C-alpha atoms as a PDB file:
ATOM      1  CA  MET A   1     115.639 111.613 102.280  1.00  0.00           C
ATOM      2  CA  ALA A   2     119.430 111.726 102.819  1.00  0.00           C
ATOM      3  CA  ILE A   3     120.865 115.163 103.617  1.00  0.00           C
ATOM      4  CA  PRO A   4     123.707 115.943 101.163  1.00  0.00           C
ATOM      5  CA  LEU A   5     127.015 117.022 102.708  1.00  0.00           C
ATOM      6  CA  PRO A   6     129.547 119.315 100.991  1.00  0.00           C
ATOM      7  CA  ASP A   7     132.766 117.810  99.684  1.00  0.00           C
ATOM      8  CA  ALA A   8     135.274 118.074 102.558  1.00  0.00           C
ATOM      9  CA  ARG A   9     137.903 119.340 100.106  1.00  0.00           C
ATOM     10  CA  GLN A  10     135.815 122.489  99.667  1.00  0.00           C
ATOM     11  CA  LEU A  11     135.816 123.315 103.398  1.00  0.00           C
ATOM     12  CA  SER A  12     138.043 125.904 105.021  1.00  0.00           C
ATOM     13  CA  ASP A  13     141.072 124.943 107.083  1.00  0.00           C
ATOM     14  CA  GLU A  14     139.231 125.996 110.248  1.00  0.00           C
ATOM     15  CA  VAL A  15     136.266 123.774 109.517  1.00  0.00           C
ATOM     16  CA  LEU A  16     138.524 120.840 108.638  1.00  0.00           C
ATOM     17  CA  GLU A  17     140.353 121.248 111.938  1.00  0.00           C
ATOM     18  CA  ALA A  18     137.004 121.140 113.770  1.00  0.00           C
ATOM     19  CA  LEU A  19     136.101 117.944 111.888  1.00  0.00           C
ATOM     20  CA  ARG A  20     139.400 116.339 112.928  1.00  0.00           C
ATOM     21  CA  LEU A  21     138.748 117.112 116.588  1.00  0.00           C
ATOM     22  CA  ARG A  22     135.183 115.801 116.402  1.00  0.00           C
ATOM     23  CA  ALA A  23     136.404 112.633 114.677  1.00  0.00           C
ATOM     24  CA  LEU A  24     139.002 112.022 117.375  1.00  0.00           C
ATOM     25  CA  ARG A  25     136.430 112.712 120.097  1.00  0.00           C
ATOM     26  CA  GLY A  26     134.111 110.152 118.483  1.00  0.00           C
ATOM     27  CA  CYS A  27     136.863 107.530 118.332  1.00  0.00           C
ATOM     28  CA  GLU A  28     137.654 108.120 122.004  1.00  0.00           C
ATOM     29  CA  ARG A  29     134.010 107.539 122.895  1.00  0.00           C
ATOM     30  CA  GLY A  30     133.889 104.223 121.034  1.00  0.00           C
ATOM     31  CA  PHE A  31     132.113 105.132 117.793  1.00  0.00           C
ATOM     32  CA  SER A  32     133.253 103.189 114.739  1.00  0.00           C
ATOM     33  CA  GLU A  33     135.459 104.901 112.169  1.00  0.00           C
ATOM     34  CA  ALA A  34     132.865 104.120 109.481  1.00  0.00           C
ATOM     35  CA  ASP A  35     130.035 105.807 111.429  1.00  0.00           C
ATOM     36  CA  ILE A  36     132.173 108.866 112.187  1.00  0.00           C
ATOM     37  CA  ALA A  37     133.180 109.165 108.530  1.00  0.00           C
ATOM     38  CA  ASP A  38     129.554 108.933 107.423  1.00  0.00           C
ATOM     39  CA  LEU A  39     128.403 111.597 109.903  1.00  0.00           C
ATOM     40  CA  LEU A  40     131.198 114.053 109.084  1.00  0.00           C
ATOM     41  CA  GLY A  41     131.205 113.519 105.316  1.00  0.00           C
ATOM     42  CA  VAL A  42     134.806 112.342 105.028  1.00  0.00           C
ATOM     43  CA  SER A  43     136.303 109.004 104.017  1.00  0.00           C
ATOM     44  CA  ARG A  44     136.825 106.190 106.497  1.00  0.00           C
ATOM     45  CA  GLU A  45     140.502 106.084 105.507  1.00  0.00           C
ATOM     46  CA  THR A  46     140.862 109.744 106.531  1.00  0.00           C
ATOM     47  CA  VAL A  47     139.355 109.091 109.971  1.00  0.00           C
ATOM     48  CA  SER A  48     141.617 106.058 110.385  1.00  0.00           C
ATOM     49  CA  ARG A  49     144.690 108.114 109.465  1.00  0.00           C
ATOM     50  CA  TRP A  50     143.776 110.846 111.990  1.00  0.00           C
ATOM     51  CA  TRP A  51     143.139 108.347 114.786  1.00  0.00           C
ATOM     52  CA  THR A  52     146.277 106.306 114.133  1.00  0.00           C
ATOM     53  CA  ALA A  53     148.423 109.438 114.232  1.00  0.00           C
ATOM     54  CA  TYR A  54     146.722 110.719 117.392  1.00  0.00           C
ATOM     55  CA  ALA A  55     147.067 107.360 119.172  1.00  0.00           C
ATOM     56  CA  ALA A  56     150.768 107.297 118.343  1.00  0.00           C
ATOM     57  CA  GLY A  57     151.778 110.892 119.111  1.00  0.00           C
ATOM     58  CA  GLY A  58     148.868 112.974 120.404  1.00  0.00           C
ATOM     59  CA  LEU A  59     147.266 116.033 118.777  1.00  0.00           C
ATOM     60  CA  GLY A  60     150.569 117.339 117.485  1.00  0.00           C
ATOM     61  CA  ALA A  61     151.005 114.249 115.353  1.00  0.00           C
ATOM     62  CA  VAL A  62     147.636 114.540 113.612  1.00  0.00           C
ATOM     63  CA  PRO A  63     148.269 115.514 109.964  1.00  0.00           C
ATOM     64  CA  GLY A  64     146.750 118.854 109.020  1.00  0.00           C
ATOM     65  CA  ASP A  65     147.599 118.835 105.333  1.00  0.00           C
ATOM     66  CA  ARG A  66     144.963 118.329 102.661  1.00  0.00           C
ATOM     67  CA  THR A  67     144.970 115.062 100.745  1.00  0.00           C
ATOM     68  CA  GLY A  68     143.384 114.009  97.507  1.00  0.00           C
ATOM     69  CA  ARG A  69     143.237 115.848  94.225  1.00  0.00           C
ATOM     70  CA  PRO A  70     141.522 119.250  93.959  1.00  0.00           C
ATOM     71  CA  VAL A  71     137.770 119.197  93.437  1.00  0.00           C
ATOM     72  CA  GLY A  72     136.849 118.764  89.784  1.00  0.00           C
ATOM     73  CA  THR A  73     140.228 117.581  88.532  1.00  0.00           C
ATOM     74  CA  GLY A  74     140.498 114.243  86.810  1.00  0.00           C
ATOM     75  CA  ARG A  75     136.820 114.088  85.862  1.00  0.00           C
ATOM     76  CA  THR A  76     135.876 112.567  82.541  1.00  0.00           C
ATOM     77  CA  LEU A  77     133.107 115.023  81.642  1.00  0.00           C
ATOM     78  CA  SER A  78     133.655 118.735  81.254  1.00  0.00           C
ATOM     79  CA  ASP A  79     131.306 121.121  83.073  1.00  0.00           C
ATOM     80  CA  GLU A  80     129.508 121.880  79.814  1.00  0.00           C
ATOM     81  CA  GLN A  81     129.060 118.184  79.019  1.00  0.00           C
ATOM     82  CA  ALA A  82     127.791 117.521  82.545  1.00  0.00           C
ATOM     83  CA  ARG A  83     125.209 120.302  82.237  1.00  0.00           C
ATOM     84  CA  ARG A  84     124.042 118.925  78.878  1.00  0.00           C
ATOM     85  CA  ILE A  85     123.614 115.395  80.227  1.00  0.00           C
ATOM     86  CA  GLN A  86     121.629 116.644  83.246  1.00  0.00           C
ATOM     87  CA  ASP A  87     119.393 118.712  80.964  1.00  0.00           C
ATOM     88  CA  ARG A  88     118.634 115.626  78.850  1.00  0.00           C
ATOM     89  CA  ILE A  89     117.786 113.570  81.955  1.00  0.00           C
ATOM     90  CA  ASP A  90     115.568 116.314  83.415  1.00  0.00           C
ATOM     91  CA  HIS A  91     113.553 117.021  80.280  1.00  0.00           C
ATOM     92  CA  HIS A  92     113.480 113.829  78.212  1.00  0.00           C
ATOM     93  CA  SER A  93     112.716 110.144  78.614  1.00  0.00           C
ATOM     94  CA  PRO A  94     115.270 107.579  77.383  1.00  0.00           C
ATOM     95  CA  GLU A  95     112.902 106.575  74.581  1.00  0.00           C
ATOM     96  CA  GLU A  96     112.713 110.156  73.300  1.00  0.00           C
ATOM     97  CA  LEU A  97     116.486 110.164  72.886  1.00  0.00           C
ATOM     98  CA  GLY A  98     116.663 106.788  71.142  1.00  0.00           C
ATOM     99  CA  ILE A  99     117.883 104.851  74.170  1.00  0.00           C
ATOM    100  CA  THR A 100     116.395 101.419  74.852  1.00  0.00           C
ATOM    101  CA  ALA A 101     115.317 101.814  78.472  1.00  0.00           C
ATOM    102  CA  ALA A 102     112.093 102.508  80.341  1.00  0.00           C
ATOM    103  CA  VAL A 103     113.667 104.802  82.972  1.00  0.00           C
ATOM    104  CA  TRP A 104     116.936 106.653  83.542  1.00  0.00           C
ATOM    105  CA  SER A 105     119.041 103.854  85.027  1.00  0.00           C
ATOM    106  CA  ARG A 106     122.839 104.011  85.291  1.00  0.00           C
ATOM    107  CA  GLN A 107     123.058 101.923  82.117  1.00  0.00           C
ATOM    108  CA  ALA A 108     120.717 104.305  80.277  1.00  0.00           C
ATOM    109  CA  VAL A 109     122.732 107.346  81.385  1.00  0.00           C
ATOM    110  CA  ARG A 110     125.918 105.560  80.283  1.00  0.00           C
ATOM    111  CA  ASP A 111     124.388 105.140  76.809  1.00  0.00           C
ATOM    112  CA  LEU A 112     123.316 108.796  76.847  1.00  0.00           C
ATOM    113  CA  ILE A 113     126.875 109.907  77.658  1.00  0.00           C
ATOM    114  CA  ARG A 114     128.211 107.723  74.847  1.00  0.00           C
ATOM    115  CA  ASN A 115     125.705 109.179  72.362  1.00  0.00           C
ATOM    116  CA  GLU A 116     126.081 112.807  73.444  1.00  0.00           C
ATOM    117  CA  CYS A 117     129.790 112.984  74.292  1.00  0.00           C
ATOM    118  CA  GLY A 118     131.382 110.005  72.562  1.00  0.00           C
ATOM    119  CA  ILE A 119     132.711 108.761  75.911  1.00  0.00           C
ATOM    120  CA  ASP A 120     132.531 105.135  77.105  1.00  0.00           C
ATOM    121  CA  MET A 121     132.155 105.406  80.867  1.00  0.00           C
ATOM    122  CA  PRO A 122     131.970 102.521  83.372  1.00  0.00           C
ATOM    123  CA  VAL A 123     128.557 102.100  84.998  1.00  0.00           C
ATOM    124  CA  ARG A 124     130.085 102.618  88.444  1.00  0.00           C
ATOM    125  CA  THR A 125     131.497 105.981  87.362  1.00  0.00           C
ATOM    126  CA  VAL A 126     128.097 106.932  85.955  1.00  0.00           C
ATOM    127  CA  GLY A 127     126.631 106.205  89.389  1.00  0.00           C
ATOM    128  CA  GLU A 128     129.217 108.499  91.012  1.00  0.00           C
ATOM    129  CA  TYR A 129     128.310 111.300  88.605  1.00  0.00           C
ATOM    130  CA  LEU A 130     124.586 110.845  89.284  1.00  0.00           C
ATOM    131  CA  LYS A 131     125.184 110.976  93.035  1.00  0.00           C
ATOM    132  CA  ARG A 132     127.339 114.100  92.662  1.00  0.00           C
ATOM    133  CA  TRP A 133     124.633 115.775  90.583  1.00  0.00           C
ATOM    134  CA  GLY A 134     122.000 115.061  93.222  1.00  0.00           C
ATOM    135  CA  TYR A 135     120.147 112.158  91.579  1.00  0.00           C
ATOM    136  CA  THR A 136     118.967 109.189  93.657  1.00  0.00           C
ATOM    137  CA  ALA A 137     117.444 105.850  92.624  1.00  0.00           C
ATOM    138  CA  LYS A 138     113.660 105.832  93.119  1.00  0.00           C
ATOM    139  CA  SER A 139     110.706 103.665  92.243  1.00  0.00           C
ATOM    140  CA  PRO A 140     109.360 105.172  88.997  1.00  0.00           C
ATOM    141  CA  ARG A 141     106.069 107.023  88.972  1.00  0.00           C
ATOM    142  CA  ARG A 142     103.707 105.432  86.443  1.00  0.00           C
ATOM    143  CA  HIS A 143     102.926 107.567  83.424  1.00  0.00           C
ATOM    144  CA  ALA A 144     100.574 106.422  80.677  1.00  0.00           C
ATOM    145  CA  LYS A 145     101.993 106.553  77.160  1.00  0.00           C
ATOM    146  CA  ASP A 146      98.718 107.722  75.609  1.00  0.00           C
ATOM    147  CA  GLN A 147      98.377 110.610  78.057  1.00  0.00           C
ATOM    148  CA  ASP A 148      97.909 113.972  76.315  1.00  0.00           C
ATOM    149  CA  PRO A 149     100.334 116.466  77.915  1.00  0.00           C
ATOM    150  CA  ASP A 150      98.355 119.407  76.533  1.00  0.00           C
ATOM    151  CA  GLU A 151      95.185 118.090  78.170  1.00  0.00           C
ATOM    152  CA  VAL A 152      97.040 117.669  81.454  1.00  0.00           C
ATOM    153  CA  ASP A 153      98.360 121.239  81.228  1.00  0.00           C
ATOM    154  CA  ARG A 154      94.858 122.562  80.567  1.00  0.00           C
ATOM    155  CA  TRP A 155      93.586 120.637  83.587  1.00  0.00           C
ATOM    156  CA  LEU A 156      96.257 121.999  85.908  1.00  0.00           C
ATOM    157  CA  GLU A 157      96.326 125.557  84.625  1.00  0.00           C
ATOM    158  CA  TRP A 158      92.700 126.222  83.753  1.00  0.00           C
ATOM    159  CA  ARG A 159      90.181 123.417  84.214  1.00  0.00           C
ATOM    160  CA  TYR A 160      90.749 122.504  87.863  1.00  0.00           C
ATOM    161  CA  PRO A 161      91.173 126.129  89.057  1.00  0.00           C
ATOM    162  CA  ALA A 162      87.808 126.858  87.388  1.00  0.00           C
ATOM    163  CA  ILE A 163      86.208 123.907  89.242  1.00  0.00           C
ATOM    164  CA  GLU A 164      87.638 125.220  92.526  1.00  0.00           C
ATOM    165  CA  ALA A 165      86.274 128.691  91.887  1.00  0.00           C
ATOM    166  CA  LEU A 166      82.821 127.359  90.964  1.00  0.00           C
ATOM    167  CA  ALA A 167      82.770 125.107  94.047  1.00  0.00           C
ATOM    168  CA  ALA A 168      83.555 128.088  96.260  1.00  0.00           C
ATOM    169  CA  LEU A 169      80.808 130.111  94.579  1.00  0.00           C
ATOM    170  CA  GLU A 170      78.183 127.366  95.031  1.00  0.00           C
ATOM    171  CA  GLY A 171      79.381 126.123  98.428  1.00  0.00           C
ATOM    172  CA  ALA A 172      80.088 122.679  96.949  1.00  0.00           C
ATOM    173  CA  ALA A 173      82.565 120.077  98.226  1.00  0.00           C
ATOM    174  CA  ILE A 174      85.039 118.630  95.718  1.00  0.00           C
ATOM    175  CA  HIS A 175      85.197 114.830  95.981  1.00  0.00           C
ATOM    176  CA  TRP A 176      87.781 112.659  94.228  1.00  0.00           C
ATOM    177  CA  CYS A 177      86.484 109.244  93.195  1.00  0.00           C
ATOM    178  CA  ASP A 178      88.101 105.999  92.055  1.00  0.00           C
ATOM    179  CA  GLU A 179      87.705 102.216  92.162  1.00  0.00           C
ATOM    180  CA  THR A 180      90.271  99.596  93.071  1.00  0.00           C
ATOM    181  CA  GLY A 181      90.452  95.853  93.629  1.00  0.00           C
ATOM    182  CA  ALA A 182      92.229  93.891  96.357  1.00  0.00           C
ATOM    183  CA  ARG A 183      93.249  90.222  96.217  1.00  0.00           C
ATOM    184  CA  ALA A 184      93.719  87.856  99.127  1.00  0.00           C
ATOM    185  CA  ASP A 185      96.923  86.505  97.547  1.00  0.00           C
ATOM    186  CA  GLU A 186      98.460  89.943  97.016  1.00  0.00           C
ATOM    187  CA  GLN A 187     101.512  90.691  99.175  1.00  0.00           C
ATOM    188  CA  PRO A 188     103.232  93.922  98.090  1.00  0.00           C
ATOM    189  CA  ARG A 189     105.913  93.888 100.792  1.00  0.00           C
ATOM    190  CA  LYS A 190     109.315  92.238 100.559  1.00  0.00           C
ATOM    191  CA  GLY A 191     110.406  89.390 102.826  1.00  0.00           C
ATOM    192  CA  TYR A 192     113.788  88.125 103.963  1.00  0.00           C
ATOM    193  CA  ALA A 193     115.151  84.671 103.136  1.00  0.00           C
ATOM    194  CA  ARG A 194     118.497  82.900 103.018  1.00  0.00           C
ATOM    195  CA  GLU A 195     120.765  83.933 100.143  1.00  0.00           C
ATOM    196  CA  GLY A 196     119.812  81.948  97.061  1.00  0.00           C
ATOM    197  CA  GLU A 197     116.412  81.027  98.510  1.00  0.00           C
ATOM    198  CA  PRO A 198     113.132  82.775  97.584  1.00  0.00           C
ATOM    199  CA  ALA A 199     110.943  84.475 100.174  1.00  0.00           C
ATOM    200  CA  ARG A 200     107.766  82.377 100.334  1.00  0.00           C
ATOM    201  CA  VAL A 201     104.218  83.294 101.194  1.00  0.00           C
ATOM    202  CA  GLU A 202     101.342  80.854 101.673  1.00  0.00           C
ATOM    203  CA  VAL A 203      98.347  81.925  99.599  1.00  0.00           C
ATOM    204  CA  PRO A 204      94.737  80.723  99.745  1.00  0.00           C
ATOM    205  CA  LYS A 205      93.737  78.268  97.026  1.00  0.00           C
ATOM    206  CA  PRO A 206      90.660  80.030  95.607  1.00  0.00           C
ATOM    207  CA  HIS A 207      91.061  83.372  93.855  1.00  0.00           C
ATOM    208  CA  ILE A 208      89.580  85.753  96.429  1.00  0.00           C
ATOM    209  CA  ARG A 209      88.966  89.351  95.409  1.00  0.00           C
ATOM    210  CA  MET A 210      86.981  92.337  96.654  1.00  0.00           C
ATOM    211  CA  ASN A 211      86.499  95.757  95.117  1.00  0.00           C
ATOM    212  CA  LEU A 212      86.121  99.237  96.532  1.00  0.00           C
ATOM    213  CA  VAL A 213      84.759 102.535  95.256  1.00  0.00           C
ATOM    214  CA  ALA A 214      85.464 105.581  97.383  1.00  0.00           C
ATOM    215  CA  THR A 215      85.669 109.350  97.443  1.00  0.00           C
ATOM    216  CA  ILE A 216      87.885 111.638  99.494  1.00  0.00           C
ATOM    217  CA  THR A 217      88.133 115.409  99.925  1.00  0.00           C
ATOM    218  CA  ASN A 218      91.107 117.602 100.778  1.00  0.00           C
ATOM    219  CA  GLU A 219      89.345 118.314 104.082  1.00  0.00           C
ATOM    220  CA  GLY A 220      89.776 114.651 105.075  1.00  0.00           C
ATOM    221  CA  GLU A 221      86.268 113.396 104.305  1.00  0.00           C
ATOM    222  CA  VAL A 222      85.836 109.745 103.216  1.00  0.00           C
ATOM    223  CA  HIS A 223      82.922 107.785 101.702  1.00  0.00           C
ATOM    224  CA  PHE A 224      83.151 104.224 100.399  1.00  0.00           C
ATOM    225  CA  LEU A 225      81.384 101.074  99.267  1.00  0.00           C
ATOM    226  CA  ALA A 226      82.939  97.574  99.145  1.00  0.00           C
ATOM    227  CA  TYR A 227      81.554  95.183  96.535  1.00  0.00           C
ATOM    228  CA  LYS A 228      82.463  91.819  94.973  1.00  0.00           C
ATOM    229  CA  GLU A 229      81.033  92.136  91.467  1.00  0.00           C
ATOM    230  CA  SER A 230      82.310  94.229  88.552  1.00  0.00           C
ATOM    231  CA  MET A 231      81.451  97.911  88.525  1.00  0.00           C
ATOM    232  CA  THR A 232      78.395  98.749  86.427  1.00  0.00           C
ATOM    233  CA  GLY A 233      76.380 101.884  85.850  1.00  0.00           C
ATOM    234  CA  ALA A 234      73.643 100.657  88.186  1.00  0.00           C
ATOM    235  CA  LEU A 235      76.130  99.830  90.955  1.00  0.00           C
ATOM    236  CA  PHE A 236      77.791 103.220  90.557  1.00  0.00           C
ATOM    237  CA  VAL A 237      74.409 104.909  90.958  1.00  0.00           C
ATOM    238  CA  THR A 238      73.944 102.910  94.169  1.00  0.00           C
ATOM    239  CA  PHE A 239      77.204 104.359  95.439  1.00  0.00           C
ATOM    240  CA  LEU A 240      76.225 107.892  94.375  1.00  0.00           C
ATOM    241  CA  GLU A 241      72.934 107.556  96.234  1.00  0.00           C
ATOM    242  CA  LYS A 242      74.871 106.471  99.338  1.00  0.00           C
ATOM    243  CA  LEU A 243      77.250 109.418  98.913  1.00  0.00           C
ATOM    244  CA  LEU A 244      74.457 111.978  98.754  1.00  0.00           C
ATOM    245  CA  SER A 245      72.713 110.405 101.752  1.00  0.00           C
ATOM    246  CA  GLU A 246      75.893 110.929 103.800  1.00  0.00           C
ATOM    247  CA  THR A 247      76.549 114.531 102.745  1.00  0.00           C
ATOM    248  CA  THR A 248      74.651 117.798 102.929  1.00  0.00           C
ATOM    249  CA  ARG A 249      76.648 120.037 100.596  1.00  0.00           C
ATOM    250  CA  LYS A 250      76.506 119.852  96.835  1.00  0.00           C
ATOM    251  CA  VAL A 251      79.088 117.401  95.472  1.00  0.00           C
ATOM    252  CA  PHE A 252      81.493 118.182  92.643  1.00  0.00           C
ATOM    253  CA  LEU A 253      82.698 114.677  91.765  1.00  0.00           C
ATOM    254  CA  ILE A 254      86.025 114.300  89.937  1.00  0.00           C
ATOM    255  CA  LEU A 255      86.577 110.903  88.350  1.00  0.00           C
ATOM    256  CA  ASP A 256      88.087 109.058  85.396  1.00  0.00           C
ATOM    257  CA  ARG A 257      86.374 107.889  82.226  1.00  0.00           C
ATOM    258  CA  LEU A 258      85.646 104.315  83.321  1.00  0.00           C
ATOM    259  CA  PRO A 259      82.886 102.969  81.031  1.00  0.00           C
ATOM    260  CA  ALA A 260      80.582 102.399  84.019  1.00  0.00           C
ATOM    261  CA  HIS A 261      80.832 106.095  84.889  1.00  0.00           C
ATOM    262  CA  GLN A 262      79.641 107.128  81.442  1.00  0.00           C
ATOM    263  CA  THR A 263      76.562 104.900  81.044  1.00  0.00           C
ATOM    264  CA  LYS A 264      73.144 106.318  80.284  1.00  0.00           C
ATOM    265  CA  VAL A 265      71.798 105.202  83.662  1.00  0.00           C
ATOM    266  CA  VAL A 266      74.462 107.295  85.413  1.00  0.00           C
ATOM    267  CA  ALA A 267      73.915 110.303  83.150  1.00  0.00           C
ATOM    268  CA  ASP A 268      70.147 110.179  83.696  1.00  0.00           C
ATOM    269  CA  TRP A 269      70.507 109.845  87.476  1.00  0.00           C
ATOM    270  CA  VAL A 270      72.987 112.748  87.683  1.00  0.00           C
ATOM    271  CA  ALA A 271      70.699 114.911  85.540  1.00  0.00           C
ATOM    272  CA  ALA A 272      67.823 114.160  87.911  1.00  0.00           C
ATOM    273  CA  HIS A 273      69.969 115.250  90.880  1.00  0.00           C
ATOM    274  CA  ALA A 274      71.704 118.215  89.270  1.00  0.00           C
ATOM    275  CA  ASP A 275      70.984 120.371  92.315  1.00  0.00           C
ATOM    276  CA  ARG A 276      73.108 118.008  94.463  1.00  0.00           C
ATOM    277  CA  ILE A 277      75.860 116.640  92.222  1.00  0.00           C
ATOM    278  CA  GLU A 278      77.933 117.402  89.120  1.00  0.00           C
ATOM    279  CA  LEU A 279      80.558 115.205  87.448  1.00  0.00           C
ATOM    280  CA  PHE A 280      83.940 116.415  86.174  1.00  0.00           C
ATOM    281  CA  TRP A 281      86.263 114.237  84.118  1.00  0.00           C
ATOM    282  CA  LEU A 282      89.997 113.922  84.673  1.00  0.00           C
ATOM    283  CA  PRO A 283      92.348 114.050  81.675  1.00  0.00           C
ATOM    284  CA  LYS A 284      92.591 110.782  79.810  1.00  0.00           C
ATOM    285  CA  ALA A 285      95.103 108.236  81.167  1.00  0.00           C
ATOM    286  CA  ALA A 286      96.206 110.451  84.059  1.00  0.00           C
ATOM    287  CA  PRO A 287      95.559 108.459  87.264  1.00  0.00           C
ATOM    288  CA  GLU A 288      98.421 110.245  89.039  1.00  0.00           C
ATOM    289  CA  LEU A 289      96.297 113.428  89.060  1.00  0.00           C
ATOM    290  CA  ASN A 290      93.597 111.738  91.167  1.00  0.00           C
ATOM    291  CA  ALA A 291      94.230 112.036  94.916  1.00  0.00           C
ATOM    292  CA  GLU A 292      92.104 108.952  95.595  1.00  0.00           C
ATOM    293  CA  GLU A 293      94.691 106.870  93.729  1.00  0.00           C
ATOM    294  CA  TYR A 294      97.025 107.287  96.707  1.00  0.00           C
ATOM    295  CA  LEU A 295      94.386 105.978  99.093  1.00  0.00           C
ATOM    296  CA  ASN A 296      94.186 102.883  96.876  1.00  0.00           C
ATOM    297  CA  ASN A 297      97.959 102.361  97.153  1.00  0.00           C
ATOM    298  CA  ASP A 298      97.773 102.780 100.937  1.00  0.00           C
ATOM    299  CA  LEU A 299      94.925 100.278 101.195  1.00  0.00           C
ATOM    300  CA  LYS A 300      96.704  97.583  99.187  1.00  0.00           C
ATOM    301  CA  GLY A 301      99.830  97.939 101.287  1.00  0.00           C
ATOM    302  CA  ALA A 302      97.925  97.648 104.568  1.00  0.00           C
ATOM    303  CA  ILE A 303      95.168  95.052 104.325  1.00  0.00           C
ATOM    304  CA  ASN A 304      97.473  92.019 103.899  1.00  0.00           C
ATOM    305  CA  ALA A 305     100.331  93.252 106.082  1.00  0.00           C
ATOM    306  CA  GLU A 306      99.452  90.909 108.956  1.00  0.00           C
ATOM    307  CA  GLY A 307      98.949  87.793 106.830  1.00  0.00           C
ATOM    308  CA  LEU A 308      96.725  86.830 103.934  1.00  0.00           C
ATOM    309  CA  PRO A 309      92.949  86.497 104.501  1.00  0.00           C
ATOM    310  CA  GLY A 310      91.457  83.060 103.974  1.00  0.00           C
ATOM    311  CA  SER A 311      88.047  84.088 102.656  1.00  0.00           C
ATOM    312  CA  ARG A 312      86.246  86.840 100.787  1.00  0.00           C
ATOM    313  CA  GLU A 313      84.415  87.767 103.980  1.00  0.00           C
ATOM    314  CA  GLU A 314      87.698  88.257 105.818  1.00  0.00           C
ATOM    315  CA  LEU A 315      89.132  90.301 102.944  1.00  0.00           C
ATOM    316  CA  ARG A 316      86.030  92.487 102.887  1.00  0.00           C
ATOM    317  CA  SER A 317      86.254  92.896 106.664  1.00  0.00           C
ATOM    318  CA  ARG A 318      89.839  94.124 106.402  1.00  0.00           C
ATOM    319  CA  ILE A 319      88.948  96.612 103.683  1.00  0.00           C
ATOM    320  CA  VAL A 320      86.028  97.982 105.669  1.00  0.00           C
ATOM    321  CA  ARG A 321      88.133  98.136 108.835  1.00  0.00           C
ATOM    322  CA  PHE A 322      90.868 100.100 107.042  1.00  0.00           C
ATOM    323  CA  MET A 323      88.376 102.511 105.485  1.00  0.00           C
ATOM    324  CA  SER A 324      86.437 102.933 108.725  1.00  0.00           C
ATOM    325  CA  LYS A 325      89.665 103.818 110.488  1.00  0.00           C
ATOM    326  CA  LEU A 326      90.291 106.545 107.905  1.00  0.00           C
ATOM    327  CA  LEU A 327      86.997 108.134 108.954  1.00  0.00           C
ATOM    328  CA  GLN A 328      88.589 108.832 112.338  1.00  0.00           C
ATOM    329  CA  PHE A 329      91.827 110.281 110.948  1.00  0.00           C
ATOM    330  CA  PRO A 330      91.060 113.096 108.489  1.00  0.00           C
ATOM    331  CA  GLU A 331      94.664 114.328 108.684  1.00  0.00           C
ATOM    332  CA  HIS A 332      95.805 110.989 107.227  1.00  0.00           C
ATOM    333  CA  VAL A 333      93.391 111.496 104.339  1.00  0.00           C
ATOM    334  CA  ARG A 334      94.665 115.043 103.804  1.00  0.00           C
ATOM    335  CA  ASN A 335      98.162 113.591 103.516  1.00  0.00           C
ATOM    336  CA  TYR A 336      97.173 111.902 100.254  1.00  0.00           C
ATOM    337  CA  PHE A 337      96.912 115.389  98.763  1.00  0.00           C
ATOM    338  CA  ARG A 338     100.519 116.117  99.720  1.00  0.00           C
ATOM    339  CA  HIS A 339     101.814 113.738  97.068  1.00  0.00           C
ATOM    340  CA  PRO A 340     103.714 115.851  94.497  1.00  0.00           C
ATOM    341  CA  SER A 341     101.320 114.910  91.689  1.00  0.00           C
ATOM    342  CA  VAL A 342      98.202 116.143  93.526  1.00  0.00           C
ATOM    343  CA  GLN A 343      99.499 119.010  95.634  1.00  0.00           C
ATOM    344  CA  TYR A 344      97.699 121.281  93.193  1.00  0.00           C
ATOM    345  CA  ALA A 345      94.434 120.101  94.824  1.00  0.00           C
ATOM    346  CA  ALA A 346      95.535 120.252  98.475  1.00  0.00           C
ATOM    347  CA  GLY A 347      93.764 123.540  99.093  1.00  0.00           C
ATOM    348  CA  ASP A 348      96.368 124.602 101.696  1.00  0.00           C
END
């Protein structure tokens, strides 16, 4: 995360004088003008002007006057308009405001400014406003359209706190469960290539895939089962039997509404083991609320990092090796609960 620096035009004369001396000291020691400007939060042209004057006439020749227009002058949007645009971005999606865009890109914000303020602003200027307001470009967090926000609120404000309280009362451990699949031809990382040429990756000919079902706790506990077939009620029961054989405390299992989880065979088995396990369902279409989802992302980014496996056996071996390593690093597992969407379950 980049640390924001204050606009140099807002600094006192004393602070500006200190920046000039530090800039000149950096130039003397061989640092580039661009690096010095970036570190001090001033423009490269300003550093160049200071150094040129110093080299020609010493400290007395270094200009001490302020340059550039006063902060806030010459801006297209008024303060009130800027606040309104930021409020729209913070509390609405583009679609809600009639803008054809999936996320708040510079183009989408440009359209928002046109709609709200009647101002046609260049995309580059929009980017400067976004930077000034403290917005940065990020990979979007997935959010299901058919998610019920009221159900999510009930989960966060009432349902999950009640599960926590009941777990504490019964001495139960809360486990978060999910399934994922990994492919041998999946390479999530980017690769470098010559300009105009694609980055290539050699993939195995057959479609090789393995699946994983796992649970984690906010104490760093991990349990898993790798399998090649599709998840069924019977296979899920096999995993639940394995889970109970590896634990001693009662299990409160939080999971999604995958059809295999809701079969009669699962319901009957859970009822027969009610003294050891209870199931709790996440809100519909809310995978971001499941801490185990972030283990899945970690797994997919790691198993093919050193090259693609050539067989299902090798793919399975990599999955098991990654998961077995997690057993030795509970703090890494606890880090999954530090994701902003699941901090509510971190238990810290």
